[in-house]
N, C-alpha and C. Protein backbone atom coordinates (compact mmCIF):
# COMPACT_ATOMS: atom_id res chain seq x y z
N MET A 1 114.04 94.27 88.51
CA MET A 1 114.09 94.40 89.95
C MET A 1 113.49 93.16 90.58
N THR A 2 114.26 92.49 91.39
CA THR A 2 113.78 91.30 92.08
C THR A 2 113.17 91.70 93.42
N PRO A 3 111.91 91.35 93.64
CA PRO A 3 111.29 91.72 94.93
C PRO A 3 111.82 90.86 96.07
N ARG A 4 111.71 91.40 97.24
CA ARG A 4 112.06 90.67 98.46
C ARG A 4 110.91 89.69 98.75
N VAL A 5 111.26 88.49 99.19
CA VAL A 5 110.26 87.46 99.48
C VAL A 5 110.35 87.10 100.95
N GLU A 6 109.24 87.27 101.65
CA GLU A 6 109.12 86.85 103.05
C GLU A 6 108.29 85.57 103.08
N PHE A 7 108.45 84.79 104.12
CA PHE A 7 107.73 83.52 104.22
C PHE A 7 107.02 83.39 105.55
N VAL A 8 105.87 82.74 105.49
CA VAL A 8 105.14 82.30 106.66
C VAL A 8 104.94 80.80 106.43
N ALA A 9 105.38 80.00 107.36
CA ALA A 9 105.22 78.55 107.21
C ALA A 9 104.16 78.09 108.20
N THR A 10 102.93 77.97 107.74
CA THR A 10 101.86 77.53 108.63
C THR A 10 101.72 76.02 108.62
N SER A 11 102.43 75.34 107.72
CA SER A 11 102.49 73.88 107.74
C SER A 11 103.94 73.45 107.86
N PRO A 12 104.28 72.66 108.87
CA PRO A 12 105.66 72.21 109.05
C PRO A 12 106.09 71.17 108.02
N ARG A 13 105.16 70.63 107.25
CA ARG A 13 105.48 69.57 106.30
C ARG A 13 106.35 70.05 105.14
N TRP A 14 106.32 71.34 104.85
CA TRP A 14 107.12 71.88 103.75
C TRP A 14 108.61 71.69 103.98
N ARG A 15 109.05 71.92 105.20
CA ARG A 15 110.49 71.89 105.49
C ARG A 15 111.13 70.55 105.14
N ALA A 16 110.44 69.46 105.42
CA ALA A 16 110.99 68.14 105.15
C ALA A 16 110.88 67.73 103.68
N ALA A 17 109.99 68.38 102.93
CA ALA A 17 109.71 67.95 101.57
C ALA A 17 110.66 68.54 100.52
N LEU A 18 111.02 69.80 100.67
CA LEU A 18 111.87 70.45 99.67
C LEU A 18 112.37 71.79 100.21
N PRO A 19 113.43 72.34 99.58
CA PRO A 19 113.94 73.65 100.01
C PRO A 19 113.06 74.77 99.46
N ALA A 20 111.87 74.89 100.03
CA ALA A 20 110.83 75.76 99.49
C ALA A 20 111.28 77.22 99.40
N ARG A 21 111.98 77.70 100.39
CA ARG A 21 112.36 79.12 100.39
C ARG A 21 113.35 79.45 99.28
N SER A 22 114.39 78.66 99.15
CA SER A 22 115.38 78.96 98.10
C SER A 22 114.79 78.75 96.71
N LEU A 23 113.98 77.72 96.54
CA LEU A 23 113.34 77.49 95.24
C LEU A 23 112.41 78.66 94.89
N ALA A 24 111.65 79.14 95.85
CA ALA A 24 110.73 80.25 95.60
C ALA A 24 111.48 81.53 95.27
N ARG A 25 112.53 81.82 96.00
CA ARG A 25 113.28 83.05 95.74
C ARG A 25 113.88 83.04 94.33
N ALA A 26 114.44 81.92 93.93
CA ALA A 26 115.01 81.80 92.58
C ALA A 26 113.92 81.92 91.53
N THR A 27 112.78 81.32 91.78
CA THR A 27 111.66 81.37 90.83
C THR A 27 111.13 82.78 90.71
N ILE A 28 110.97 83.47 91.81
CA ILE A 28 110.46 84.85 91.79
C ILE A 28 111.44 85.76 91.05
N ALA A 29 112.74 85.56 91.23
CA ALA A 29 113.72 86.39 90.53
C ALA A 29 113.57 86.25 89.02
N VAL A 30 113.44 85.02 88.54
CA VAL A 30 113.28 84.79 87.10
C VAL A 30 111.92 85.30 86.64
N ALA A 31 110.88 85.05 87.42
CA ALA A 31 109.53 85.50 87.05
C ALA A 31 109.46 87.02 86.96
N ALA A 32 110.12 87.71 87.86
CA ALA A 32 110.12 89.17 87.82
C ALA A 32 110.78 89.65 86.53
N ALA A 33 111.88 89.01 86.15
CA ALA A 33 112.57 89.40 84.92
C ALA A 33 111.74 89.09 83.68
N GLU A 34 111.09 87.95 83.66
CA GLU A 34 110.32 87.52 82.48
C GLU A 34 108.96 88.20 82.36
N SER A 35 108.46 88.76 83.43
CA SER A 35 107.11 89.33 83.41
C SER A 35 106.98 90.57 82.55
N GLY A 36 108.07 91.31 82.41
CA GLY A 36 108.01 92.57 81.69
C GLY A 36 107.43 93.71 82.51
N VAL A 37 107.15 93.47 83.78
CA VAL A 37 106.60 94.49 84.66
C VAL A 37 107.75 95.14 85.44
N ALA A 38 107.87 96.45 85.34
CA ALA A 38 108.90 97.18 86.08
C ALA A 38 108.40 97.38 87.50
N LEU A 39 109.10 96.78 88.45
CA LEU A 39 108.72 96.89 89.86
C LEU A 39 109.54 97.96 90.55
N THR A 40 108.95 98.55 91.56
CA THR A 40 109.63 99.59 92.32
C THR A 40 110.72 98.97 93.20
N PRO A 41 111.85 99.65 93.38
CA PRO A 41 112.86 99.15 94.31
C PRO A 41 112.25 98.98 95.70
N GLY A 42 112.59 97.89 96.34
CA GLY A 42 112.07 97.60 97.67
C GLY A 42 110.74 96.87 97.67
N ALA A 43 110.23 96.50 96.48
CA ALA A 43 108.97 95.76 96.42
C ALA A 43 109.14 94.42 97.14
N GLU A 44 108.06 93.98 97.76
CA GLU A 44 108.12 92.70 98.47
C GLU A 44 106.78 91.98 98.42
N LEU A 45 106.86 90.69 98.70
CA LEU A 45 105.68 89.84 98.76
C LEU A 45 105.88 88.81 99.85
N CYS A 46 104.80 88.13 100.20
CA CYS A 46 104.86 87.08 101.21
C CYS A 46 104.35 85.78 100.60
N ILE A 47 105.03 84.70 100.91
CA ILE A 47 104.58 83.37 100.52
C ILE A 47 104.24 82.61 101.79
N ASN A 48 103.01 82.12 101.84
CA ASN A 48 102.53 81.32 102.97
C ASN A 48 102.57 79.86 102.55
N LEU A 49 103.42 79.10 103.21
CA LEU A 49 103.54 77.66 102.97
C LEU A 49 102.54 76.97 103.89
N ALA A 50 101.34 76.77 103.38
CA ALA A 50 100.20 76.31 104.17
C ALA A 50 99.88 74.85 103.90
N ASP A 51 98.79 74.41 104.49
CA ASP A 51 98.27 73.06 104.24
C ASP A 51 96.89 73.19 103.62
N ASP A 52 96.32 72.05 103.25
CA ASP A 52 95.01 72.05 102.60
C ASP A 52 93.93 72.70 103.45
N ALA A 53 93.96 72.46 104.75
CA ALA A 53 92.92 73.02 105.63
C ALA A 53 92.97 74.54 105.62
N GLY A 54 94.15 75.11 105.71
CA GLY A 54 94.29 76.56 105.70
C GLY A 54 93.85 77.16 104.38
N VAL A 55 94.25 76.53 103.28
CA VAL A 55 93.88 77.04 101.96
C VAL A 55 92.39 76.87 101.72
N ARG A 56 91.85 75.78 102.22
CA ARG A 56 90.40 75.57 102.07
C ARG A 56 89.62 76.71 102.74
N GLY A 57 90.04 77.08 103.93
CA GLY A 57 89.37 78.18 104.63
C GLY A 57 89.47 79.49 103.87
N LEU A 58 90.65 79.80 103.34
CA LEU A 58 90.82 81.02 102.56
C LEU A 58 90.01 80.98 101.27
N ASN A 59 90.02 79.83 100.62
CA ASN A 59 89.28 79.66 99.37
C ASN A 59 87.77 79.84 99.61
N ALA A 60 87.29 79.31 100.72
CA ALA A 60 85.86 79.45 101.05
C ALA A 60 85.52 80.91 101.34
N ARG A 61 86.37 81.57 102.12
CA ARG A 61 86.09 82.95 102.51
C ARG A 61 86.19 83.93 101.35
N TRP A 62 87.22 83.81 100.53
CA TRP A 62 87.49 84.83 99.52
C TRP A 62 86.98 84.48 98.13
N ARG A 63 86.74 83.19 97.86
CA ARG A 63 86.28 82.81 96.52
C ARG A 63 84.95 82.06 96.55
N GLY A 64 84.45 81.77 97.75
CA GLY A 64 83.19 81.06 97.87
C GLY A 64 83.27 79.60 97.46
N LEU A 65 84.48 79.04 97.46
CA LEU A 65 84.70 77.64 97.09
C LEU A 65 85.20 76.87 98.30
N ASP A 66 84.37 76.03 98.87
CA ASP A 66 84.71 75.31 100.10
C ASP A 66 85.50 74.05 99.79
N LYS A 67 86.72 74.26 99.28
CA LYS A 67 87.63 73.16 98.97
C LYS A 67 89.04 73.73 98.87
N PRO A 68 90.03 72.87 99.08
CA PRO A 68 91.40 73.37 98.91
C PRO A 68 91.71 73.55 97.42
N THR A 69 92.70 74.35 97.15
CA THR A 69 93.21 74.53 95.80
C THR A 69 94.73 74.60 95.92
N ASN A 70 95.44 74.53 94.82
CA ASN A 70 96.89 74.46 94.91
C ASN A 70 97.53 75.79 95.30
N VAL A 71 97.06 76.90 94.72
CA VAL A 71 97.67 78.19 95.01
C VAL A 71 96.60 79.28 94.98
N LEU A 72 96.73 80.21 95.89
CA LEU A 72 95.89 81.40 95.93
C LEU A 72 96.81 82.62 95.91
N SER A 73 96.39 83.64 95.21
CA SER A 73 97.14 84.90 95.18
C SER A 73 96.23 86.02 95.65
N PHE A 74 96.80 86.88 96.48
CA PHE A 74 96.07 88.03 97.00
C PHE A 74 96.87 89.29 96.68
N PRO A 75 96.62 89.90 95.51
CA PRO A 75 97.36 91.11 95.14
C PRO A 75 97.07 92.25 96.12
N ALA A 76 98.11 93.04 96.39
CA ALA A 76 97.96 94.17 97.30
C ALA A 76 97.64 95.46 96.57
N ALA A 77 97.75 95.44 95.25
CA ALA A 77 97.48 96.66 94.47
C ALA A 77 96.78 96.26 93.17
N PRO A 78 96.00 97.17 92.62
CA PRO A 78 95.37 96.90 91.32
C PRO A 78 96.46 96.79 90.24
N PRO A 79 96.21 96.04 89.17
CA PRO A 79 97.22 95.86 88.12
C PRO A 79 97.81 97.17 87.59
N ALA A 80 97.00 98.19 87.44
CA ALA A 80 97.49 99.47 86.91
C ALA A 80 98.47 100.16 87.85
N GLU A 81 98.49 99.78 89.12
CA GLU A 81 99.35 100.43 90.11
C GLU A 81 100.49 99.54 90.60
N ILE A 82 100.58 98.31 90.10
CA ILE A 82 101.53 97.34 90.66
C ILE A 82 102.99 97.79 90.47
N GLY A 83 103.29 98.47 89.38
CA GLY A 83 104.67 98.91 89.15
C GLY A 83 105.20 99.84 90.22
N GLY A 84 104.34 100.60 90.84
CA GLY A 84 104.76 101.52 91.89
C GLY A 84 104.49 101.03 93.30
N ALA A 85 103.97 99.83 93.41
CA ALA A 85 103.59 99.30 94.73
C ALA A 85 104.80 98.74 95.46
N ARG A 86 104.90 99.06 96.72
CA ARG A 86 105.95 98.45 97.55
C ARG A 86 105.54 97.06 97.99
N LEU A 87 104.26 96.88 98.32
CA LEU A 87 103.74 95.57 98.71
C LEU A 87 102.99 94.98 97.53
N LEU A 88 103.46 93.81 97.07
CA LEU A 88 102.86 93.16 95.91
C LEU A 88 101.69 92.27 96.30
N GLY A 89 101.76 91.66 97.48
CA GLY A 89 100.68 90.80 97.94
C GLY A 89 101.18 89.49 98.52
N ASP A 90 100.26 88.54 98.61
CA ASP A 90 100.54 87.25 99.24
C ASP A 90 100.22 86.11 98.29
N ILE A 91 101.05 85.08 98.36
CA ILE A 91 100.81 83.82 97.65
C ILE A 91 100.68 82.74 98.72
N VAL A 92 99.65 81.92 98.62
CA VAL A 92 99.42 80.86 99.59
C VAL A 92 99.39 79.53 98.83
N LEU A 93 100.21 78.57 99.29
CA LEU A 93 100.31 77.27 98.63
C LEU A 93 99.87 76.17 99.59
N ALA A 94 99.14 75.18 99.06
CA ALA A 94 98.60 74.07 99.87
C ALA A 94 99.48 72.83 99.70
N PHE A 95 100.13 72.42 100.76
CA PHE A 95 101.09 71.32 100.70
C PHE A 95 100.49 70.03 100.14
N GLU A 96 99.43 69.53 100.75
CA GLU A 96 98.89 68.24 100.34
C GLU A 96 98.41 68.24 98.89
N THR A 97 97.80 69.33 98.47
CA THR A 97 97.33 69.43 97.09
C THR A 97 98.50 69.43 96.12
N LEU A 98 99.57 70.16 96.42
CA LEU A 98 100.73 70.17 95.54
C LEU A 98 101.37 68.79 95.44
N VAL A 99 101.49 68.11 96.57
CA VAL A 99 102.08 66.77 96.57
C VAL A 99 101.23 65.81 95.74
N ARG A 100 99.94 65.86 95.94
CA ARG A 100 99.02 64.97 95.21
C ARG A 100 99.06 65.25 93.71
N GLU A 101 99.00 66.53 93.33
CA GLU A 101 99.03 66.89 91.92
C GLU A 101 100.35 66.47 91.25
N ALA A 102 101.46 66.71 91.93
CA ALA A 102 102.76 66.33 91.36
C ALA A 102 102.81 64.82 91.12
N ALA A 103 102.34 64.05 92.09
CA ALA A 103 102.33 62.59 91.94
C ALA A 103 101.39 62.17 90.82
N ASP A 104 100.20 62.74 90.77
CA ASP A 104 99.22 62.39 89.73
C ASP A 104 99.73 62.72 88.34
N GLU A 105 100.50 63.80 88.22
CA GLU A 105 101.00 64.25 86.92
C GLU A 105 102.38 63.70 86.61
N GLY A 106 102.96 62.92 87.53
CA GLY A 106 104.28 62.35 87.30
C GLY A 106 105.39 63.38 87.23
N LYS A 107 105.26 64.45 88.02
CA LYS A 107 106.23 65.54 88.01
C LYS A 107 106.98 65.57 89.34
N PRO A 108 108.24 65.99 89.31
CA PRO A 108 108.93 66.22 90.58
C PRO A 108 108.21 67.31 91.37
N LEU A 109 108.11 67.12 92.67
CA LEU A 109 107.44 68.10 93.52
C LEU A 109 108.06 69.48 93.37
N ALA A 110 109.38 69.55 93.32
CA ALA A 110 110.05 70.86 93.20
C ALA A 110 109.64 71.57 91.92
N ASP A 111 109.48 70.85 90.83
CA ASP A 111 109.08 71.47 89.56
C ASP A 111 107.66 71.99 89.63
N HIS A 112 106.78 71.20 90.21
CA HIS A 112 105.38 71.64 90.33
C HIS A 112 105.28 72.86 91.26
N TYR A 113 106.03 72.82 92.33
CA TYR A 113 106.07 73.95 93.27
C TYR A 113 106.54 75.22 92.56
N ARG A 114 107.63 75.11 91.79
CA ARG A 114 108.15 76.28 91.08
C ARG A 114 107.10 76.83 90.11
N HIS A 115 106.40 75.92 89.43
CA HIS A 115 105.36 76.36 88.50
C HIS A 115 104.30 77.16 89.24
N LEU A 116 103.84 76.66 90.38
CA LEU A 116 102.76 77.35 91.09
C LEU A 116 103.23 78.63 91.77
N VAL A 117 104.50 78.69 92.17
CA VAL A 117 105.04 79.95 92.68
C VAL A 117 105.04 80.99 91.56
N ALA A 118 105.52 80.61 90.38
CA ALA A 118 105.53 81.52 89.23
C ALA A 118 104.10 81.94 88.87
N HIS A 119 103.20 80.99 88.85
CA HIS A 119 101.80 81.25 88.52
C HIS A 119 101.20 82.25 89.52
N GLY A 120 101.40 81.99 90.79
CA GLY A 120 100.88 82.88 91.82
C GLY A 120 101.49 84.27 91.75
N PHE A 121 102.78 84.35 91.46
CA PHE A 121 103.45 85.64 91.35
C PHE A 121 102.90 86.44 90.18
N LEU A 122 102.69 85.78 89.05
CA LEU A 122 102.13 86.49 87.90
C LEU A 122 100.74 87.04 88.21
N HIS A 123 99.96 86.30 88.99
CA HIS A 123 98.66 86.82 89.42
C HIS A 123 98.83 88.10 90.25
N LEU A 124 99.85 88.14 91.11
CA LEU A 124 100.09 89.35 91.90
C LEU A 124 100.37 90.54 91.00
N LEU A 125 100.98 90.28 89.85
CA LEU A 125 101.34 91.35 88.92
C LEU A 125 100.19 91.74 87.99
N GLY A 126 99.06 91.04 88.13
CA GLY A 126 97.90 91.40 87.33
C GLY A 126 97.62 90.49 86.15
N PHE A 127 98.44 89.47 85.95
CA PHE A 127 98.18 88.52 84.87
C PHE A 127 97.04 87.60 85.30
N ASP A 128 96.27 87.15 84.32
CA ASP A 128 95.16 86.25 84.62
C ASP A 128 94.93 85.31 83.46
N HIS A 129 94.01 84.39 83.64
CA HIS A 129 93.70 83.39 82.62
C HIS A 129 92.19 83.23 82.48
N ASP A 130 91.49 84.36 82.53
CA ASP A 130 90.03 84.36 82.47
C ASP A 130 89.49 84.07 81.07
N ASP A 131 90.29 84.35 80.05
CA ASP A 131 89.86 84.02 78.69
C ASP A 131 91.04 83.40 77.94
N GLU A 132 90.80 82.91 76.74
CA GLU A 132 91.83 82.19 75.99
C GLU A 132 93.06 83.04 75.69
N VAL A 133 92.86 84.30 75.36
CA VAL A 133 93.98 85.18 75.03
C VAL A 133 94.84 85.41 76.27
N ASP A 134 94.21 85.76 77.39
CA ASP A 134 94.95 85.99 78.63
C ASP A 134 95.63 84.71 79.10
N ALA A 135 94.95 83.58 78.98
CA ALA A 135 95.53 82.30 79.40
C ALA A 135 96.76 81.97 78.56
N ALA A 136 96.68 82.15 77.26
CA ALA A 136 97.82 81.86 76.39
C ALA A 136 99.01 82.76 76.73
N ARG A 137 98.74 84.02 77.01
CA ARG A 137 99.81 84.96 77.37
C ARG A 137 100.47 84.56 78.69
N MET A 138 99.65 84.24 79.68
CA MET A 138 100.18 83.86 80.99
C MET A 138 100.96 82.55 80.90
N GLU A 139 100.41 81.58 80.20
CA GLU A 139 101.08 80.29 80.04
C GLU A 139 102.42 80.44 79.32
N ALA A 140 102.50 81.31 78.34
CA ALA A 140 103.76 81.54 77.62
C ALA A 140 104.82 82.11 78.55
N ILE A 141 104.43 83.04 79.40
CA ILE A 141 105.38 83.60 80.36
C ILE A 141 105.81 82.54 81.36
N GLU A 142 104.87 81.77 81.88
CA GLU A 142 105.20 80.70 82.82
C GLU A 142 106.17 79.71 82.19
N THR A 143 105.92 79.36 80.93
CA THR A 143 106.78 78.40 80.23
C THR A 143 108.20 78.94 80.11
N ARG A 144 108.34 80.23 79.78
CA ARG A 144 109.68 80.84 79.69
C ARG A 144 110.38 80.85 81.05
N ILE A 145 109.64 81.18 82.09
CA ILE A 145 110.21 81.19 83.44
C ILE A 145 110.74 79.80 83.78
N LEU A 146 109.89 78.81 83.60
CA LEU A 146 110.27 77.45 83.97
C LEU A 146 111.41 76.92 83.11
N GLU A 147 111.42 77.28 81.83
CA GLU A 147 112.52 76.86 80.96
C GLU A 147 113.85 77.39 81.48
N ARG A 148 113.86 78.65 81.91
CA ARG A 148 115.09 79.24 82.47
C ARG A 148 115.53 78.53 83.75
N LEU A 149 114.58 77.90 84.44
CA LEU A 149 114.88 77.18 85.68
C LEU A 149 115.15 75.69 85.44
N GLY A 150 115.08 75.26 84.17
CA GLY A 150 115.32 73.86 83.84
C GLY A 150 114.13 72.96 84.12
N VAL A 151 112.92 73.54 84.12
CA VAL A 151 111.70 72.78 84.40
C VAL A 151 110.93 72.60 83.09
N ALA A 152 110.44 71.38 82.87
CA ALA A 152 109.68 71.08 81.66
C ALA A 152 108.41 71.92 81.57
N ASP A 153 107.99 72.19 80.34
CA ASP A 153 106.78 72.95 80.07
C ASP A 153 105.57 72.20 80.64
N PRO A 154 104.91 72.76 81.65
CA PRO A 154 103.79 72.04 82.28
C PRO A 154 102.53 72.00 81.42
N TYR A 155 102.50 72.79 80.35
CA TYR A 155 101.33 72.83 79.48
C TYR A 155 101.46 71.94 78.26
N ARG A 156 102.65 71.40 78.05
CA ARG A 156 102.85 70.50 76.92
C ARG A 156 102.12 69.19 77.20
N VAL A 157 101.39 68.71 76.23
CA VAL A 157 100.57 67.51 76.41
C VAL A 157 101.41 66.32 76.84
N ASP A 158 102.61 66.17 76.30
CA ASP A 158 103.43 65.03 76.64
C ASP A 158 104.45 65.34 77.73
N ALA A 159 104.26 66.46 78.47
CA ALA A 159 105.21 66.85 79.53
C ALA A 159 105.27 65.76 80.60
N LYS A 160 104.16 65.10 80.88
CA LYS A 160 104.14 64.05 81.90
C LYS A 160 105.09 62.91 81.51
N ALA A 161 105.14 62.60 80.22
CA ALA A 161 105.98 61.52 79.76
C ALA A 161 107.47 61.85 79.92
N ASP A 162 107.83 63.14 79.94
CA ASP A 162 109.22 63.56 80.10
C ASP A 162 109.70 63.55 81.54
N ALA A 163 108.77 63.51 82.48
CA ALA A 163 109.16 63.59 83.89
C ALA A 163 109.88 62.31 84.31
N PRO A 164 110.93 62.48 85.16
CA PRO A 164 111.67 61.29 85.61
C PRO A 164 110.84 60.41 86.52
């Protein structure tokens, strides 16, 4: 079941940089299929296409970290209840941080964006990377999602060398 994706664009810079909405919808569809989590019909989530300032404020308020980060996820239901939840939660992405990271890592912006959309979505479903076992499981799912989308494995040590 592919959830419905709504968008809030709090930074206008996204529109000129890439087709964020279509890329996110395609990524979420593949991520939902690869996650192994059965979602209820009519499930939905929101993606906020924000800037560093907006993400910094959210990061400070909710995580106690007064700095921007690339992606934040706000699940609407506990992991044990996500399969029956109509509202999955919110994903917030920071434009400047994503652009900087993609450039620093030698990756196309669209590929890095897709990775972080998938990463944020998996967090909504209850996946995490708090320990080595959970991190390996989450990274394996992300890698499968991105492979289906034609995106290089972001965890491969030489992935940077493969980027155009």
